[in-house]
Protein backbone atom coordinates (compact mmCIF):
# COMPACT_ATOMS: atom_id res chain seq x y z
CA MET A 1 -54.35 -100.53 89.43
CA SER A 2 -56.58 -97.45 89.88
CA LEU A 3 -56.44 -95.23 92.95
CA PHE A 4 -59.85 -96.49 94.10
CA GLU A 5 -58.77 -100.11 93.64
CA ASN A 6 -55.71 -99.29 95.77
CA THR A 7 -58.01 -97.93 98.46
CA LEU A 8 -60.25 -101.01 98.39
CA LYS A 9 -57.17 -103.21 98.66
CA GLN A 10 -56.12 -101.35 101.82
CA ILE A 11 -59.62 -101.60 103.31
CA ASN A 12 -59.85 -105.32 102.51
CA LYS A 13 -56.43 -106.03 104.02
CA ALA A 14 -57.40 -104.36 107.29
CA ALA A 15 -60.77 -106.12 107.29
CA SER A 16 -58.99 -109.46 107.00
CA ILE A 17 -56.58 -108.63 109.82
CA MET A 18 -59.34 -107.65 112.25
CA ASN A 19 -62.02 -110.07 110.98
CA LEU A 20 -64.38 -107.21 110.17
CA ASP A 21 -68.07 -107.95 109.77
CA LYS A 22 -68.55 -108.64 106.03
CA ASP A 23 -71.59 -106.35 105.85
CA VAL A 24 -69.58 -103.45 107.27
CA LEU A 25 -66.91 -104.17 104.68
CA THR A 26 -69.53 -104.06 101.92
CA LEU A 27 -70.77 -100.68 103.14
CA MET A 28 -67.27 -99.26 103.34
CA SER A 29 -66.40 -100.51 99.85
CA ASN A 30 -69.16 -98.49 98.19
CA PRO A 31 -69.76 -94.72 98.34
CA GLN A 32 -73.20 -93.76 99.61
CA ARG A 33 -73.76 -91.16 96.91
CA ILE A 34 -72.04 -90.05 93.70
CA VAL A 35 -72.98 -86.69 92.19
CA GLU A 36 -71.80 -85.77 88.69
CA VAL A 37 -72.74 -82.39 87.25
CA SER A 38 -72.26 -80.28 84.12
CA ILE A 39 -71.23 -76.74 85.01
CA PRO A 40 -71.99 -74.00 82.45
CA VAL A 41 -69.69 -70.98 82.63
CA LYS A 42 -69.72 -67.83 80.52
CA MET A 43 -66.11 -67.16 79.60
CA ASP A 44 -64.56 -63.73 79.29
CA ASN A 45 -64.74 -63.89 75.48
CA GLY A 46 -68.51 -64.48 75.60
CA ASP A 47 -68.39 -68.21 74.84
CA LEU A 48 -70.29 -70.69 77.01
CA LYS A 49 -68.13 -73.56 78.21
CA ILE A 50 -69.29 -76.70 80.03
CA PHE A 51 -67.07 -78.11 82.79
CA GLN A 52 -67.46 -81.53 84.42
CA GLY A 53 -67.75 -81.65 88.22
CA PHE A 54 -68.01 -84.34 90.89
CA ARG A 55 -68.96 -84.76 94.53
CA VAL A 56 -68.60 -88.19 96.09
CA GLN A 57 -70.07 -88.82 99.54
CA HIS A 58 -68.43 -91.97 100.84
CA SER A 59 -69.84 -92.34 104.36
CA ASN A 60 -71.60 -90.32 107.05
CA TYR A 61 -71.79 -92.99 109.76
CA CYS A 62 -69.61 -90.92 112.11
CA GLY A 63 -70.86 -87.47 111.09
CA PRO A 64 -71.30 -85.11 108.12
CA TYR A 65 -69.38 -85.86 104.94
CA LYS A 66 -66.09 -83.95 104.93
CA GLY A 67 -63.45 -83.49 102.26
CA GLY A 68 -61.83 -81.12 99.84
CA ILE A 69 -62.53 -79.97 96.31
CA ARG A 70 -59.76 -80.09 93.73
CA TYR A 71 -59.53 -78.15 90.49
CA HIS A 72 -57.29 -80.07 88.10
CA GLN A 73 -57.33 -81.02 84.43
CA ASP A 74 -56.69 -84.69 85.23
CA VAL A 75 -59.18 -85.20 88.06
CA ASP A 76 -61.60 -88.07 87.46
CA MET A 77 -64.30 -90.01 89.24
CA GLY A 78 -62.02 -92.86 90.32
CA GLU A 79 -59.63 -90.45 91.98
CA VAL A 80 -62.43 -88.62 93.77
CA LYS A 81 -63.97 -91.91 94.96
CA ALA A 82 -60.63 -92.98 96.42
CA LEU A 83 -60.05 -89.65 98.15
CA SER A 84 -63.55 -89.67 99.64
CA ALA A 85 -62.93 -93.12 101.14
CA TRP A 86 -59.60 -91.94 102.55
CA MET A 87 -61.41 -89.05 104.23
CA SER A 88 -63.75 -91.50 105.98
CA ILE A 89 -60.72 -93.43 107.23
CA LYS A 90 -58.75 -90.31 108.14
CA CYS A 91 -61.48 -88.64 110.22
CA SER A 92 -62.11 -91.86 112.09
CA VAL A 93 -58.39 -92.48 112.74
CA VAL A 94 -58.15 -89.26 114.75
CA GLY A 95 -61.57 -89.76 116.31
CA ILE A 96 -63.34 -86.64 115.04
CA PRO A 97 -67.12 -86.87 114.35
CA LEU A 98 -67.02 -86.57 110.57
CA GLY A 99 -67.43 -88.85 107.58
CA GLY A 100 -65.77 -88.79 104.19
CA GLY A 101 -66.40 -86.91 100.97
CA LYS A 102 -64.46 -85.40 98.09
CA GLY A 103 -65.13 -83.22 95.09
CA GLY A 104 -63.49 -82.01 91.95
CA ILE A 105 -63.81 -80.11 88.70
CA VAL A 106 -61.99 -81.06 85.51
CA VAL A 107 -60.21 -77.76 84.81
CA ASN A 108 -56.76 -76.22 84.69
CA PRO A 109 -57.38 -73.15 86.88
CA LYS A 110 -54.20 -71.50 85.59
CA GLU A 111 -55.97 -71.09 82.24
CA LEU A 112 -58.88 -69.16 83.78
CA SER A 113 -59.11 -65.50 84.73
CA SER A 114 -60.14 -64.60 88.27
CA GLY A 115 -63.63 -63.78 87.03
CA GLU A 116 -63.97 -67.09 85.19
CA LEU A 117 -62.73 -68.96 88.27
CA GLU A 118 -65.32 -67.23 90.46
CA ARG A 119 -68.14 -67.93 88.01
CA LEU A 120 -67.06 -71.58 87.79
CA THR A 121 -67.04 -71.92 91.58
CA ARG A 122 -70.44 -70.31 92.04
CA ALA A 123 -71.97 -72.43 89.28
CA TYR A 124 -70.54 -75.59 90.88
CA VAL A 125 -72.06 -74.60 94.23
CA ARG A 126 -75.49 -74.15 92.65
CA ALA A 127 -75.16 -77.52 90.91
CA ILE A 128 -74.48 -79.46 94.14
CA ALA A 129 -76.24 -77.20 96.67
CA ASP A 130 -79.03 -79.66 97.46
CA PHE A 131 -76.48 -82.27 98.56
CA ILE A 132 -74.31 -80.13 100.89
CA GLY A 133 -74.75 -78.07 104.06
CA PRO A 134 -73.14 -77.28 107.44
CA THR A 135 -74.60 -80.44 109.02
CA LYS A 136 -74.76 -82.55 105.85
CA ASP A 137 -71.59 -82.24 103.74
CA VAL A 138 -68.84 -79.68 104.33
CA PRO A 139 -66.26 -79.26 101.54
CA ALA A 140 -62.82 -77.67 101.92
CA PRO A 141 -59.82 -76.61 99.82
CA ASP A 142 -57.69 -79.20 98.08
CA LEU A 143 -55.44 -79.20 95.02
CA ASN A 144 -55.55 -75.76 93.30
CA THR A 145 -58.36 -74.43 95.50
CA THR A 146 -57.79 -71.54 97.87
CA PRO A 147 -59.35 -69.66 100.81
CA GLN A 148 -60.67 -67.11 98.27
CA ILE A 149 -62.45 -69.89 96.38
CA MET A 150 -63.91 -71.13 99.67
CA ASP A 151 -65.17 -67.60 100.41
CA TRP A 152 -66.98 -67.55 97.04
CA PHE A 153 -68.34 -71.02 97.79
CA ALA A 154 -69.77 -70.00 101.18
CA ASP A 155 -71.22 -66.77 99.81
CA GLU A 156 -72.98 -68.49 96.90
CA TYR A 157 -74.39 -71.23 99.13
CA SER A 158 -75.65 -68.62 101.62
CA LYS A 159 -77.45 -66.85 98.75
CA TYR A 160 -78.91 -70.17 97.62
CA VAL A 161 -80.39 -71.03 101.04
CA GLY A 162 -81.32 -67.44 101.89
CA HIS A 163 -79.35 -67.04 105.11
CA ASP A 164 -75.77 -66.91 106.40
CA ALA A 165 -74.43 -70.45 106.11
CA LYS A 166 -70.69 -69.90 106.05
CA GLY A 167 -70.23 -73.21 107.89
CA VAL A 168 -70.99 -75.03 104.62
CA VAL A 169 -67.29 -75.00 103.81
CA THR A 170 -64.01 -74.77 105.71
CA GLY A 171 -60.66 -73.31 104.74
CA LYS A 172 -62.10 -69.82 104.35
CA THR A 173 -60.15 -66.62 104.89
CA LEU A 174 -60.07 -65.38 108.48
CA GLU A 175 -62.24 -62.41 107.51
CA HIS A 176 -65.00 -64.78 106.37
CA GLY A 177 -64.99 -67.29 109.24
CA GLY A 178 -61.81 -69.29 108.73
CA SER A 179 -59.87 -70.77 111.63
CA LYS A 180 -56.54 -69.45 112.76
CA GLY A 181 -53.89 -72.13 112.48
CA ARG A 182 -55.53 -73.84 109.49
CA ASN A 183 -52.78 -72.69 107.12
CA ILE A 184 -50.15 -74.71 109.01
CA ALA A 185 -52.38 -77.40 110.55
CA THR A 186 -51.54 -80.20 108.09
CA ALA A 187 -47.81 -79.72 108.61
CA GLN A 188 -48.07 -79.11 112.36
CA GLY A 189 -50.18 -82.20 112.88
CA GLY A 190 -47.56 -84.24 111.05
CA VAL A 191 -44.80 -82.78 113.21
CA TYR A 192 -46.73 -83.68 116.37
CA VAL A 193 -46.81 -87.30 115.15
CA LEU A 194 -43.15 -87.21 114.12
CA ASP A 195 -42.27 -86.01 117.64
CA GLU A 196 -43.79 -89.25 118.96
CA VAL A 197 -41.93 -91.33 116.37
CA ALA A 198 -38.66 -89.56 117.26
CA ARG A 199 -39.15 -90.27 120.96
CA GLU A 200 -39.85 -93.94 120.26
CA LYS A 201 -36.86 -94.28 117.91
CA GLY A 202 -34.51 -92.14 120.01
CA LEU A 203 -33.82 -89.76 117.13
CA ASP A 204 -31.57 -86.77 117.71
CA PRO A 205 -32.81 -83.98 115.40
CA ALA A 206 -29.30 -82.58 114.93
CA ASN A 207 -28.21 -85.91 113.44
CA THR A 208 -31.41 -86.64 111.51
CA ARG A 209 -31.41 -85.92 107.78
CA VAL A 210 -34.76 -85.02 106.19
CA ILE A 211 -35.75 -84.87 102.52
CA ILE A 212 -39.05 -83.34 101.43
CA GLN A 213 -40.67 -84.15 98.11
CA GLY A 214 -43.26 -81.47 97.44
CA PHE A 215 -41.85 -78.19 98.73
CA GLY A 216 -45.17 -76.33 98.58
CA ASN A 217 -47.77 -75.19 101.10
CA ALA A 218 -47.61 -78.23 103.39
CA GLY A 219 -44.09 -79.43 102.54
CA GLY A 220 -42.53 -75.99 102.93
CA VAL A 221 -44.18 -75.45 106.30
CA VAL A 222 -43.15 -78.88 107.62
CA ALA A 223 -39.57 -78.08 106.60
CA GLN A 224 -39.69 -74.81 108.53
CA LEU A 225 -41.15 -76.47 111.62
CA LEU A 226 -38.59 -79.29 111.58
CA ALA A 227 -35.67 -76.91 111.02
CA LYS A 228 -36.72 -74.99 114.14
CA LYS A 229 -36.42 -78.27 116.05
CA GLY A 230 -32.89 -78.76 114.73
CA TYR A 231 -33.50 -81.32 111.95
CA GLN A 232 -31.18 -81.20 108.93
CA ILE A 233 -33.15 -80.43 105.76
CA ILE A 234 -30.85 -81.99 103.13
CA GLY A 235 -33.22 -82.14 100.15
CA ALA A 236 -36.33 -80.55 98.69
CA SER A 237 -38.19 -80.66 95.38
CA ASP A 238 -41.24 -79.38 93.56
CA SER A 239 -42.84 -80.44 90.29
CA GLN A 240 -39.91 -79.07 88.26
CA GLY A 241 -37.11 -80.81 90.16
CA GLY A 242 -35.14 -80.37 93.34
CA LEU A 243 -31.88 -79.91 95.17
CA ILE A 244 -29.76 -82.04 97.50
CA PHE A 245 -27.58 -80.28 100.10
CA ASP A 246 -24.60 -82.05 101.65
CA LYS A 247 -24.82 -80.03 104.87
CA GLY A 248 -28.47 -79.08 104.97
CA THR A 249 -30.16 -75.80 104.14
CA ASP A 250 -32.36 -73.05 105.57
CA PRO A 251 -35.94 -73.75 104.43
CA ASP A 252 -37.05 -70.15 105.09
CA ALA A 253 -34.46 -68.84 102.63
CA LEU A 254 -35.15 -71.65 100.16
CA LEU A 255 -38.89 -70.88 100.14
CA LYS A 256 -38.14 -67.23 99.46
CA CYS A 257 -35.80 -68.19 96.62
CA LYS A 258 -38.41 -70.54 95.16
CA ALA A 259 -40.98 -67.73 95.20
CA ASP A 260 -38.53 -65.48 93.34
CA LYS A 261 -37.31 -68.10 90.84
CA THR A 262 -40.50 -70.20 90.44
CA THR A 263 -38.85 -73.53 91.35
CA VAL A 264 -36.50 -75.01 93.93
CA ALA A 265 -34.21 -76.30 91.17
CA ASN A 266 -33.38 -72.73 90.05
CA CYS A 267 -31.92 -71.99 93.48
CA ASP A 268 -28.84 -74.18 92.99
CA THR A 269 -26.39 -71.30 92.50
CA ASP A 270 -27.77 -69.44 95.54
CA PHE A 271 -27.54 -72.39 97.92
CA GLY A 272 -24.87 -74.63 96.47
CA GLY A 273 -27.22 -77.57 96.16
CA ARG A 274 -26.96 -80.35 93.59
CA ARG A 275 -29.79 -80.47 91.06
CA VAL A 276 -31.78 -83.72 90.98
CA THR A 277 -34.97 -85.01 89.42
CA ASN A 278 -37.86 -86.00 91.68
CA GLU A 279 -36.98 -89.63 91.02
CA GLU A 280 -33.37 -89.08 92.09
CA LEU A 281 -34.50 -87.17 95.18
CA LEU A 282 -36.70 -90.07 96.30
CA GLU A 283 -33.77 -92.46 96.00
CA THR A 284 -31.29 -90.30 97.98
CA GLU A 285 -30.13 -91.70 101.30
CA CYS A 286 -31.69 -90.00 104.33
CA ASP A 287 -33.24 -90.73 107.71
CA ILE A 288 -36.71 -89.32 107.03
CA LEU A 289 -38.38 -88.92 103.64
CA ILE A 290 -41.48 -86.73 103.71
CA LEU A 291 -43.80 -87.24 100.74
CA ALA A 292 -45.78 -84.03 100.28
CA ALA A 293 -46.51 -84.09 96.54
CA LEU A 294 -49.02 -86.27 94.67
CA GLU A 295 -50.37 -89.83 94.69
CA ASN A 296 -48.40 -92.95 93.68
CA GLN A 297 -44.90 -91.44 93.97
CA VAL A 298 -43.41 -94.56 95.55
CA HIS A 299 -44.38 -97.66 93.59
CA LYS A 300 -43.23 -101.16 92.69
CA ASP A 301 -40.64 -99.87 90.22
CA ASN A 302 -38.77 -97.62 92.66
CA ALA A 303 -39.57 -99.00 96.13
CA ASP A 304 -36.44 -101.14 96.16
CA LYS A 305 -34.33 -98.02 95.53
CA ILE A 306 -35.67 -96.01 98.48
CA LYS A 307 -32.91 -95.45 101.04
CA ALA A 308 -34.87 -93.59 103.74
CA LYS A 309 -35.25 -95.23 107.16
CA ILE A 310 -38.68 -93.65 107.79
CA ILE A 311 -41.29 -92.38 105.30
CA CYS A 312 -43.89 -89.84 106.43
CA GLU A 313 -46.84 -89.26 104.11
CA LEU A 314 -47.94 -85.64 104.12
CA ALA A 315 -49.64 -86.11 100.73
CA ASN A 316 -52.63 -88.37 100.12
CA GLY A 317 -51.79 -91.81 98.75
CA PRO A 318 -48.14 -91.27 97.78
CA THR A 319 -47.26 -94.96 98.28
CA THR A 320 -48.93 -97.78 96.36
CA PRO A 321 -49.98 -101.04 98.08
CA GLU A 322 -47.27 -102.96 96.16
CA ALA A 323 -44.61 -100.52 97.37
CA ASP A 324 -46.01 -100.79 100.91
CA GLU A 325 -45.34 -104.52 100.95
CA MET A 326 -41.84 -104.13 99.50
CA LEU A 327 -40.87 -101.43 101.99
CA ALA A 328 -42.30 -103.37 104.94
CA LYS A 329 -40.13 -106.38 104.01
CA ARG A 330 -37.10 -104.08 104.07
CA GLY A 331 -38.01 -102.76 107.53
CA ILE A 332 -38.77 -99.21 106.39
CA MET A 333 -41.38 -97.57 108.62
CA ILE A 334 -44.19 -95.71 106.86
CA VAL A 335 -46.20 -93.24 108.92
CA PRO A 336 -49.42 -93.29 106.85
CA ASP A 337 -51.17 -90.34 105.28
CA VAL A 338 -54.48 -90.97 107.04
CA LEU A 339 -52.79 -90.06 110.31
CA PHE A 340 -49.78 -87.96 109.33
CA ASN A 341 -51.75 -85.34 107.38
CA ALA A 342 -54.94 -85.45 109.46
CA GLY A 343 -54.11 -82.16 111.20
CA GLY A 344 -55.72 -80.33 108.29
CA VAL A 345 -59.14 -81.93 108.55
CA THR A 346 -58.99 -81.74 112.36
CA VAL A 347 -58.58 -77.96 112.32
CA SER A 348 -61.27 -77.83 109.61
CA TRP A 349 -63.53 -79.49 112.19
CA PHE A 350 -62.45 -76.77 114.64
CA GLU A 351 -63.56 -74.23 112.02
CA MET A 352 -66.97 -75.89 111.83
CA LEU A 353 -67.32 -75.64 115.62
CA GLN A 354 -66.27 -71.99 115.63
CA ASN A 355 -68.68 -71.12 112.81
CA ALA A 356 -71.57 -72.85 114.60
CA GLU A 357 -70.88 -70.98 117.86
CA ASN A 358 -69.72 -67.74 116.19
CA LYS A 359 -66.79 -67.74 118.62
CA TYR A 360 -63.24 -67.80 117.32
CA TRP A 361 -60.01 -69.14 118.81
CA SER A 362 -56.43 -67.92 118.68
CA GLU A 363 -53.88 -69.86 116.62
CA GLU A 364 -52.22 -71.00 119.82
CA GLU A 365 -55.53 -72.36 121.15
CA ALA A 366 -56.30 -74.20 117.92
CA LEU A 367 -52.87 -75.83 117.75
CA GLN A 368 -53.00 -76.73 121.45
CA LYS A 369 -56.30 -78.52 120.85
CA LEU A 370 -54.77 -80.29 117.85
CA LEU A 371 -51.83 -81.78 119.79
CA PRO A 372 -53.66 -84.38 121.95
CA ILE A 373 -55.81 -85.50 119.02
CA MET A 374 -52.76 -86.28 116.89
CA VAL A 375 -50.90 -87.94 119.79
CA ASP A 376 -53.93 -90.08 120.68
CA GLY A 377 -54.22 -91.06 117.01
CA TRP A 378 -50.60 -92.23 117.01
CA LYS A 379 -51.08 -94.19 120.23
CA ALA A 380 -54.16 -95.95 118.83
CA LEU A 381 -52.20 -96.92 115.69
CA LYS A 382 -49.26 -98.21 117.69
CA ALA A 383 -51.54 -100.24 119.96
CA ASN A 384 -53.23 -101.97 117.02
CA ALA A 385 -49.93 -102.46 115.17
CA ASP A 386 -48.61 -104.24 118.26
CA LYS A 387 -51.83 -106.17 118.84
CA TYR A 388 -52.14 -107.51 115.30
CA GLY A 389 -48.45 -107.56 114.34
CA CYS A 390 -49.17 -105.42 111.28
CA THR A 391 -47.83 -102.27 109.64
CA LEU A 392 -48.81 -98.79 110.77
CA ARG A 393 -50.96 -98.29 107.67
CA GLU A 394 -52.80 -101.53 108.30
CA ALA A 395 -53.20 -100.49 111.94
CA ALA A 396 -54.60 -97.13 110.86
CA TYR A 397 -57.28 -98.80 108.76
CA VAL A 398 -58.04 -101.29 111.53
CA THR A 399 -58.41 -98.44 114.04
CA SER A 400 -60.69 -96.52 111.73
CA LEU A 401 -62.85 -99.46 110.72
CA GLN A 402 -63.30 -100.48 114.37
CA ARG A 403 -64.73 -97.03 115.16
CA ILE A 404 -66.89 -96.85 112.04
CA ALA A 405 -68.29 -100.35 112.66
CA GLU A 406 -69.29 -99.29 116.17
CA LYS A 407 -71.17 -96.26 114.79
CA ILE A 408 -72.92 -98.37 112.15
CA LYS A 409 -74.15 -100.75 114.83
CA GLU A 410 -75.08 -97.93 117.23
CA LYS A 411 -77.31 -96.43 114.52
CA GLY A 412 -78.96 -99.77 113.78
CA ILE A 413 -77.91 -99.67 110.12
CA LEU A 414 -77.00 -103.37 110.29
């Protein structure tokens, strides 16, 4: 089953639970616009190379399209369509006035020089410029895209429209209009939600074992934040493998070691951890498993081997619908991606507000504003889960679709 088919399955399940208007379901099952472009780039050796790019605008019923751009050799239209739909759901779950979009370029950025990467970015902006804008569609960083790339993006778009329009994109460097706190917002938002889960479950951090798959930007930060609260970080991995620690480890030191040795797995002699594959890490017994890597990591073939009590999805789509059903039958709680990682897009919205007003907040102010949004999102999920007797993921989609349906009717679209 494709990623987009997975997404439609989740939307349809929620629609059935809440008896959603069938016309609203039809709208939500189809992106409003799909843009596919050929991007010509002059390479350093003088050759002209054509790259394939996408921008999918899923829905703008609640506000401008919003969603990241990924640079990856395996990105395809189906993936981008799924991610754009998830952005519609995610923004609505936390009640921010944005819709859903997503973009991508088929490229391995590690094979490009800095100059080639900049020329690729600027050419992509020119190719999609008529479809984006600060009040129309606001991209952001995603897989393999950085604040520097976002700076190039904003600069090229501003040249295209003939005036300063840095609000066309979020995730910029602070010097070019980025928001303080954005670099840790995804992880911090997840921790705010986990605090609520811990209170409900009566978890004692000192006796709570956490494993993190995907010890990168978001996963590394969430490990640091949880360690400060006293949680035991007993496992971590990246794309090349991971380590399990019998008595926990210091994520600050582990991140430094990873930077020095390129992968967590190479830090085994420094930290005394046991080397494991990503598959073995997922199947290790723990209290909380945080999925911060890629899509479809927990699926029908390994769901019955998961020994975590709670799964928190910091990545997008790490659990397939089949695995969802299997885990639910076993009583394993899944805190879904569309809420757990929504801190990132929420602080991106803060960046849009700051750009529009040309007034900038401190990190403390941004994270303080994030807290009630994430807590309210959790409360809305819990209320619908209790009301409909459904899982948290199903409740998340119900919550989102309720809000989107209201906006569709308010605007007289149906």
